[in-house]
Protein backbone atom coordinates (compact mmCIF):
# COMPACT_ATOMS: atom_id res chain seq x y z
CA UNK A 1 -47.30 94.64 -11.33
CA UNK A 2 -44.17 93.83 -9.68
CA UNK A 3 -40.34 93.87 -10.75
CA UNK A 4 -38.10 90.79 -9.88
CA UNK A 5 -34.89 92.03 -8.43
CA UNK A 6 -31.56 90.18 -7.74
CA UNK A 7 -30.31 89.92 -4.18
CA UNK A 8 -26.93 89.76 -2.80
CA UNK A 9 -26.81 86.06 -1.81
CA UNK A 10 -27.84 85.14 -5.63
CA UNK A 11 -31.79 84.61 -5.08
CA UNK A 12 -34.28 87.13 -6.29
CA UNK A 13 -37.42 89.12 -4.41
CA UNK A 14 -40.43 90.71 -5.92
CA UNK A 15 -40.64 94.13 -5.86
CA UNK A 16 -44.12 96.30 -6.28
CA UNK A 17 -43.18 99.75 -7.13
CA UNK A 18 -44.36 102.75 -5.49
CA UNK A 19 -47.49 104.54 -7.02
CA UNK A 20 -47.10 107.69 -4.71
CA UNK A 21 -44.29 109.56 -5.62
CA UNK A 22 -42.91 112.29 -3.24
CA UNK A 23 -43.69 115.60 -5.52
CA UNK A 24 -40.98 118.35 -5.94
CA UNK A 25 -41.37 120.87 -3.70
CA UNK A 26 -40.71 124.51 -4.30
CA UNK A 27 -39.45 126.76 -1.40
CA UNK A 28 -36.89 129.13 -0.08
CA UNK A 29 -33.93 128.36 1.71
CA UNK A 30 -34.58 127.29 5.35
CA UNK A 31 -34.32 129.44 8.55
CA UNK A 32 -33.46 127.07 11.18
CA UNK A 33 -29.98 125.26 9.24
CA UNK A 34 -28.16 125.55 6.65
CA UNK A 35 -28.87 122.48 4.12
CA UNK A 36 -26.40 121.81 1.32
CA UNK A 37 -26.54 119.14 -0.85
CA UNK A 38 -23.12 118.01 -2.48
CA UNK A 39 -23.92 117.33 -6.00
CA UNK A 40 -22.87 114.84 -8.48
CA UNK A 41 -22.04 115.62 -12.19
CA UNK A 42 -23.82 114.08 -15.35
CA UNK A 43 -21.18 112.44 -17.51
CA UNK A 44 -21.39 112.81 -21.26
CA UNK A 45 -20.36 109.46 -22.91
CA UNK A 46 -20.53 111.35 -26.38
CA UNK A 47 -17.49 113.43 -25.65
CA UNK A 48 -14.98 113.26 -28.33
CA UNK A 49 -12.06 110.54 -27.59
CA UNK A 50 -8.89 112.13 -26.63
CA UNK A 51 -10.66 115.45 -25.74
CA UNK A 52 -9.02 117.38 -22.90
CA UNK A 53 -10.90 116.27 -19.64
CA UNK A 54 -13.62 114.27 -18.69
CA UNK A 55 -16.71 114.57 -20.62
CA UNK A 56 -19.46 116.34 -18.61
CA UNK A 57 -23.24 116.99 -19.72
CA UNK A 58 -23.12 120.67 -18.67
CA UNK A 59 -26.97 121.18 -19.58
CA UNK A 60 -27.82 118.16 -17.46
CA UNK A 61 -25.73 118.71 -14.61
CA UNK A 62 -26.48 122.50 -14.35
CA UNK A 63 -30.36 121.67 -14.19
CA UNK A 64 -29.76 119.26 -11.20
CA UNK A 65 -28.61 122.27 -9.43
CA UNK A 66 -31.21 124.14 -10.11
CA UNK A 67 -33.64 121.75 -9.29
CA UNK A 68 -31.79 121.58 -5.66
CA UNK A 69 -31.98 125.36 -5.53
CA UNK A 70 -35.46 125.37 -6.51
CA UNK A 71 -36.15 123.11 -3.20
CA UNK A 72 -34.35 125.38 -1.01
CA UNK A 73 -31.26 123.70 -0.72
CA UNK A 74 -27.65 125.01 -1.37
CA UNK A 75 -25.35 123.29 -3.32
CA UNK A 76 -21.96 122.10 -2.06
CA UNK A 77 -20.01 122.29 -5.77
CA UNK A 78 -17.20 120.21 -6.75
CA UNK A 79 -16.92 118.13 -3.64
CA UNK A 80 -16.04 114.34 -3.70
CA UNK A 81 -19.78 113.76 -4.73
CA UNK A 82 -18.73 115.32 -7.91
CA UNK A 83 -15.97 112.66 -8.28
CA UNK A 84 -13.00 114.79 -7.40
CA UNK A 85 -10.18 112.65 -7.31
CA UNK A 86 -12.02 109.88 -8.81
CA UNK A 87 -12.40 110.80 -12.67
CA UNK A 88 -12.88 114.66 -12.16
CA UNK A 89 -9.42 116.60 -12.95
CA UNK A 90 -8.93 120.26 -11.65
CA UNK A 91 -9.53 122.08 -15.51
CA UNK A 92 -12.86 120.70 -15.50
CA UNK A 93 -13.86 121.30 -11.55
CA UNK A 94 -12.74 124.95 -12.30
CA UNK A 95 -14.96 125.15 -15.16
CA UNK A 96 -17.78 123.34 -13.00
CA UNK A 97 -17.33 126.06 -10.11
CA UNK A 98 -17.07 128.83 -12.43
CA UNK A 99 -20.47 127.68 -14.22
CA UNK A 100 -22.17 127.16 -10.99
CA UNK A 101 -21.56 129.85 -9.44
CA UNK A 102 -22.95 131.92 -12.09
CA UNK A 103 -26.07 129.79 -11.98
CA UNK A 104 -26.49 130.72 -8.20
CA UNK A 105 -25.94 134.10 -8.52
CA UNK A 106 -29.02 134.41 -11.25
CA UNK A 107 -31.26 132.49 -9.14
CA UNK A 108 -30.16 133.54 -5.46
CA UNK A 109 -29.08 130.26 -4.61
CA UNK A 110 -26.42 129.29 -1.79
CA UNK A 111 -23.44 127.84 -3.06
CA UNK A 112 -20.02 126.69 -1.52
CA UNK A 113 -17.12 125.36 -3.59
CA UNK A 114 -14.52 122.61 -2.95
CA UNK A 115 -10.53 123.86 -2.66
CA UNK A 116 -7.99 121.61 -2.91
CA UNK A 117 -4.96 120.23 -4.48
CA UNK A 118 -5.87 117.81 -6.93
CA UNK A 119 -3.97 119.57 -9.47
CA UNK A 120 -0.83 117.96 -8.54
CA UNK A 121 0.38 115.14 -9.77
CA UNK A 122 -0.40 111.98 -7.96
CA UNK A 123 2.70 109.94 -8.46
CA UNK A 124 5.05 112.01 -6.96
CA UNK A 125 6.08 114.06 -3.59
CA UNK A 126 5.38 117.43 -3.13
CA UNK A 127 6.90 120.19 -0.88
CA UNK A 128 4.62 121.79 1.46
CA UNK A 129 5.33 124.99 -0.37
CA UNK A 130 3.95 123.40 -3.54
CA UNK A 131 1.06 122.09 -1.52
CA UNK A 132 0.21 125.20 -0.21
CA UNK A 133 0.43 127.14 -3.69
CA UNK A 134 -2.09 124.40 -5.02
CA UNK A 135 -4.70 125.48 -2.24
CA UNK A 136 -4.10 129.44 -3.18
CA UNK A 137 -4.51 128.60 -6.92
CA UNK A 138 -8.25 127.04 -6.34
CA UNK A 139 -8.80 129.10 -3.25
CA UNK A 140 -8.56 132.17 -5.32
CA UNK A 141 -10.32 130.72 -8.35
CA UNK A 142 -13.59 129.66 -5.85
CA UNK A 143 -13.42 133.52 -4.49
CA UNK A 144 -13.13 135.15 -7.94
CA UNK A 145 -16.13 133.12 -9.03
CA UNK A 146 -18.03 134.69 -5.80
CA UNK A 147 -18.49 131.65 -4.06
CA UNK A 148 -17.31 130.64 -0.36
CA UNK A 149 -14.86 127.96 -0.36
CA UNK A 150 -14.73 124.58 1.33
CA UNK A 151 -11.06 123.86 2.15
CA UNK A 152 -10.89 119.92 1.08
CA UNK A 153 -8.84 117.35 2.39
CA UNK A 154 -5.55 117.15 0.51
CA UNK A 155 -4.10 113.60 -0.49
CA UNK A 156 -0.57 115.46 -1.00
CA UNK A 157 -0.77 117.26 2.08
CA UNK A 158 -1.46 113.83 3.95
CA UNK A 159 1.44 112.07 2.05
CA UNK A 160 3.77 115.26 2.56
CA UNK A 161 3.19 115.91 6.04
CA UNK A 162 5.80 114.90 8.71
CA UNK A 163 3.44 115.67 11.77
CA UNK A 164 0.91 118.32 13.18
CA UNK A 165 3.04 121.11 12.47
CA UNK A 166 2.71 120.64 9.10
CA UNK A 167 -1.10 120.98 9.00
CA UNK A 168 -1.07 124.08 11.24
CA UNK A 169 1.55 125.83 9.05
CA UNK A 170 -0.56 125.46 5.56
CA UNK A 171 -3.76 125.77 6.98
CA UNK A 172 -2.93 128.78 9.08
CA UNK A 173 -1.56 130.36 6.06
CA UNK A 174 -4.37 129.41 3.92
CA UNK A 175 -7.11 131.03 6.53
CA UNK A 176 -4.65 134.14 6.93
CA UNK A 177 -5.16 135.05 3.12
CA UNK A 178 -8.55 133.62 2.94
CA UNK A 179 -10.86 136.59 1.48
CA UNK A 180 -13.88 135.15 3.62
CA UNK A 181 -14.70 132.76 6.04
CA UNK A 182 -14.14 129.08 4.84
CA UNK A 183 -15.60 125.41 5.48
CA UNK A 184 -12.92 123.41 6.74
CA UNK A 185 -13.25 119.54 5.47
CA UNK A 186 -12.25 117.00 7.61
CA UNK A 187 -13.03 113.72 5.36
CA UNK A 188 -12.34 110.04 6.84
CA UNK A 189 -10.14 107.12 5.23
CA UNK A 190 -13.40 105.38 4.57
CA UNK A 191 -14.13 107.70 1.99
CA UNK A 192 -10.69 107.89 0.86
CA UNK A 193 -7.85 105.33 1.99
CA UNK A 194 -5.04 108.08 1.04
CA UNK A 195 -6.14 110.58 3.78
CA UNK A 196 -5.58 108.20 6.71
CA UNK A 197 -3.70 110.14 9.66
CA UNK A 198 -4.90 113.45 8.64
CA UNK A 199 -3.99 116.00 11.00
CA UNK A 200 -0.77 114.29 11.83
CA UNK A 201 -2.11 111.33 13.99
CA UNK A 202 -3.98 108.33 13.02
CA UNK A 203 -5.76 108.40 16.73
CA UNK A 204 -8.82 110.64 16.61
CA UNK A 205 -8.48 112.29 20.20
CA UNK A 206 -5.25 113.44 18.70
CA UNK A 207 -6.38 114.47 15.40
CA UNK A 208 -9.24 116.47 17.03
CA UNK A 209 -6.71 118.39 18.99
CA UNK A 210 -4.94 119.61 15.95
CA UNK A 211 -8.16 120.30 14.13
CA UNK A 212 -9.68 122.66 16.70
CA UNK A 213 -6.34 124.16 17.31
CA UNK A 214 -6.44 125.40 13.54
CA UNK A 215 -9.96 126.61 13.91
CA UNK A 216 -9.09 128.49 17.60
CA UNK A 217 -6.16 130.20 15.83
CA UNK A 218 -8.45 132.26 13.40
CA UNK A 219 -12.23 131.51 14.18
CA UNK A 220 -12.94 134.71 12.16
CA UNK A 221 -11.71 133.16 9.00
CA UNK A 222 -14.00 130.12 9.75
CA UNK A 223 -17.63 130.03 8.63
CA UNK A 224 -17.64 126.05 9.70
CA UNK A 225 -16.40 122.49 9.33
CA UNK A 226 -17.93 119.68 7.93
CA UNK A 227 -17.14 116.22 9.78
CA UNK A 228 -17.27 113.25 7.48
CA UNK A 229 -16.07 110.55 9.93
CA UNK A 230 -19.39 108.44 10.20
CA UNK A 231 -18.83 109.05 13.73
CA UNK A 232 -21.89 110.74 15.59
CA UNK A 233 -19.84 110.97 19.08
CA UNK A 234 -17.15 112.52 17.65
CA UNK A 235 -18.95 115.16 15.66
CA UNK A 236 -21.01 115.92 19.16
CA UNK A 237 -17.91 116.45 20.94
CA UNK A 238 -16.26 118.64 18.18
CA UNK A 239 -19.55 120.65 17.92
CA UNK A 240 -19.52 121.62 21.57
CA UNK A 241 -16.01 122.78 21.58
CA UNK A 242 -16.34 125.04 18.25
CA UNK A 243 -15.72 128.71 18.73
CA UNK A 244 -19.18 130.87 19.08
CA UNK A 245 -20.12 131.71 15.45
CA UNK A 246 -18.36 128.69 13.73
CA UNK A 247 -20.96 126.27 12.53
CA UNK A 248 -20.59 122.47 12.24
CA UNK A 249 -22.02 121.05 8.84
CA UNK A 250 -22.33 117.30 9.34
CA UNK A 251 -21.45 115.17 6.71
CA UNK A 252 -22.29 112.08 8.51
CA UNK A 253 -24.30 109.96 5.95
CA UNK A 254 -25.21 107.38 8.62
CA UNK A 255 -26.53 109.52 11.12
CA UNK A 256 -27.62 112.87 10.17
CA UNK A 257 -31.18 112.94 11.23
CA UNK A 258 -29.98 112.97 15.00
CA UNK A 259 -27.22 115.16 14.39
CA UNK A 260 -29.02 118.05 12.56
CA UNK A 261 -32.24 117.51 15.14
CA UNK A 262 -29.43 118.61 17.97
CA UNK A 263 -29.10 117.66 21.56
CA UNK A 264 -31.49 120.70 23.22
CA UNK A 265 -28.65 123.04 22.89
CA UNK A 266 -26.54 122.66 20.17
CA UNK A 267 -27.23 121.14 16.49
CA UNK A 268 -25.50 120.39 13.18
CA UNK A 269 -26.21 122.01 9.92
CA UNK A 270 -25.91 119.96 7.14
CA UNK A 271 -23.36 119.55 3.84
CA UNK A 272 -24.14 116.06 2.65
CA UNK A 273 -24.05 113.68 -0.39
CA UNK A 274 -27.18 111.81 0.48
CA UNK A 275 -29.12 115.07 0.18
CA UNK A 276 -28.35 114.65 -3.43
CA UNK A 277 -30.75 111.68 -3.94
CA UNK A 278 -33.17 112.67 -1.03
CA UNK A 279 -33.76 116.30 -1.49
CA UNK A 280 -37.42 116.33 -1.95
CA UNK A 281 -37.78 115.01 1.66
CA UNK A 282 -34.73 117.04 2.97
CA UNK A 283 -36.71 119.94 1.85
CA UNK A 284 -39.56 119.29 3.55
CA UNK A 285 -37.70 118.16 6.95
CA UNK A 286 -36.28 121.30 6.94
CA UNK A 287 -39.47 123.08 6.49
CA UNK A 288 -40.64 120.99 9.61
CA UNK A 289 -37.74 122.45 11.67
CA UNK A 290 -38.46 126.07 10.82
CA UNK A 291 -42.05 125.18 12.43
CA UNK A 292 -40.08 123.97 15.50
CA UNK A 293 -41.69 120.53 14.78
CA UNK A 294 -38.82 118.70 15.70
CA UNK A 295 -41.17 115.26 15.67
CA UNK A 296 -42.25 115.95 12.32
CA UNK A 297 -38.51 116.37 10.99
CA UNK A 298 -37.56 113.07 12.44
CA UNK A 299 -40.84 111.32 10.86
CA UNK A 300 -39.55 112.75 7.53
CA UNK A 301 -35.91 112.02 7.69
CA UNK A 302 -35.46 108.90 9.82
CA UNK A 303 -36.80 106.60 6.85
CA UNK A 304 -34.39 107.76 4.58
CA UNK A 305 -31.42 106.33 6.70
CA UNK A 306 -31.81 102.62 5.21
CA UNK A 307 -31.23 104.12 1.78
CA UNK A 308 -28.45 106.40 3.09
CA UNK A 309 -26.55 103.28 4.59
CA UNK A 310 -26.90 101.40 1.63
CA UNK A 311 -25.56 103.90 -0.78
CA UNK A 312 -22.49 104.47 1.76
CA UNK A 313 -21.96 101.18 2.80
CA UNK A 314 -18.08 99.94 2.21
CA UNK A 315 -16.11 100.56 0.32
CA UNK A 316 -17.84 103.89 0.90
CA UNK A 317 -15.85 105.83 -1.55
CA UNK A 318 -18.55 104.35 -4.21
CA UNK A 319 -21.38 105.77 -2.87
CA UNK A 320 -21.41 108.18 -5.84
CA UNK A 321 -22.47 104.99 -8.24
CA UNK A 322 -25.89 104.98 -6.31
CA UNK A 323 -26.24 108.47 -6.23
CA UNK A 324 -26.10 108.74 -9.77
CA UNK A 325 -28.38 105.36 -10.72
CA UNK A 326 -30.87 106.86 -8.73
CA UNK A 327 -30.58 110.54 -10.60
CA UNK A 328 -30.92 108.33 -13.79
CA UNK A 329 -33.95 105.98 -12.71
CA UNK A 330 -35.56 109.46 -11.46
CA UNK A 331 -35.26 111.06 -15.08
CA UNK A 332 -32.96 113.77 -14.21
CA UNK A 333 -30.39 112.45 -16.86
CA UNK A 334 -30.56 110.45 -19.84
CA UNK A 335 -28.15 108.07 -19.02
CA UNK A 336 -26.69 105.74 -16.12
CA UNK A 337 -22.88 106.44 -16.83
CA UNK A 338 -20.44 108.43 -14.78
CA UNK A 339 -17.15 110.14 -15.52
CA UNK A 340 -14.45 107.22 -15.74
CA UNK A 341 -16.88 104.62 -15.72
CA UNK A 342 -17.62 104.33 -12.20
CA UNK A 343 -21.10 103.20 -12.95
CA UNK A 344 -19.36 99.93 -12.74
CA UNK A 345 -18.01 100.12 -9.13
CA UNK A 346 -21.09 98.75 -7.49
CA UNK A 347 -22.44 94.86 -8.16
CA UNK A 348 -25.91 94.78 -9.88
CA UNK A 349 -27.52 93.34 -6.45
CA UNK A 350 -26.30 96.70 -4.98
CA UNK A 351 -28.01 98.55 -7.30
CA UNK A 352 -31.31 96.62 -7.16
CA UNK A 353 -31.39 97.59 -3.53
CA UNK A 354 -30.94 101.22 -3.85
CA UNK A 355 -33.79 101.15 -6.78
CA UNK A 356 -36.07 99.30 -4.04
CA UNK A 357 -35.37 101.57 -0.94
CA UNK A 358 -35.70 104.71 -3.01
CA UNK A 359 -38.95 103.79 -4.75
CA UNK A 360 -40.37 103.06 -1.44
CA UNK A 361 -39.78 106.73 -0.21
CA UNK A 362 -41.27 107.82 -3.18
CA UNK A 363 -38.29 109.51 -4.62
CA UNK A 364 -38.97 108.98 -8.39
CA UNK A 365 -41.45 111.48 -10.08
CA UNK A 366 -42.34 109.09 -12.33
CA UNK A 367 -42.31 105.56 -10.78
CA UNK A 368 -43.22 103.87 -14.21
CA UNK A 369 -40.16 105.27 -15.98
CA UNK A 370 -37.95 104.49 -12.94
CA UNK A 371 -39.40 100.64 -13.20
CA UNK A 372 -39.05 100.41 -17.15
CA UNK A 373 -35.44 102.00 -16.64
CA UNK A 374 -34.33 99.47 -14.03
CA UNK A 375 -35.89 96.64 -15.71
CA UNK A 376 -33.44 97.53 -19.14
CA UNK A 377 -30.38 97.94 -16.60
CA UNK A 378 -31.21 94.17 -15.35
CA UNK A 379 -31.95 92.93 -18.89
CA UNK A 380 -28.51 94.29 -20.30
CA UNK A 381 -26.83 91.93 -16.98
CA UNK A 382 -29.06 88.99 -18.27
CA UNK A 383 -31.43 89.31 -15.77
CA UNK A 384 -34.94 88.68 -16.40
CA UNK A 385 -37.45 90.99 -14.56
């Protein structure tokens, strides 16, 4: 039995579905690295019209996080994978953080949560004082919930800053008052064009120096950094210049196997959106590292890179659409819907290839259900499969 899939060139190809799925692995957190999956939210299209905030299916959203914890992965909550700044407003994100942190405590799961400034109105300028206050509000909420914080890049700060000194002032103040070490997040403009020129420079060399100075000024307040630039050489350079004890969490969804494996001296931990759909494989790869089986780690994780590169292809910010598609096909949610209707952000041919690549990796626990759902999606768009 095969399924007829549309191609980007207007043609079609036949795909024979996998019959050997990768089973859910139950294990504790890895010892050799910290692995966090930036998790998506499950939308509830039945939310009442005019209700405050976007509709979230809380049951399915939290169940997905439990599935990640059961496989030994940590959860990076309320990050861009959860549509922060792309449909998920701050009140809903705050509730997501509260609920997920409580669930994590109940099972002993690792969790870090995004703290940003997205409660500020996006259509007007804001002072550095207002931006700092917005960060402080979110940081206080994350810490009050008992979670570690990821200081997310701020669109408001990118728009307001006149130079590197403004970043040094804002981040320096936040680090001085944080109750526990935080993760600093450098999100490149390929993920969010509004963040171009972050740290006060468009050039990566100059921006890196500012970023490293913020860390060097208060290394005891920095658990680690998350670098999301899709530039492996840049990450390796930053990694070797970090103070002792500061982790480098790769956010590079193109080069993660080599960056996590390391160069024999230094290696990256991981905080990745692609770990959401490939969790069963990522968990097995982490265990291979725990056994000092570097070759086995690469044998497991390298084949996932074509799927990751496809999901994160430009425009990269729409990678969440493919992530949610795969969760639906895997049976982890009832509908292929997203907050703000972003399920329509990728063309049908892109979704078909995401299905094909994920199926080839055995990521669907029930391949027949995934095939049936994919056929239904194709039929909805008038494509006979």
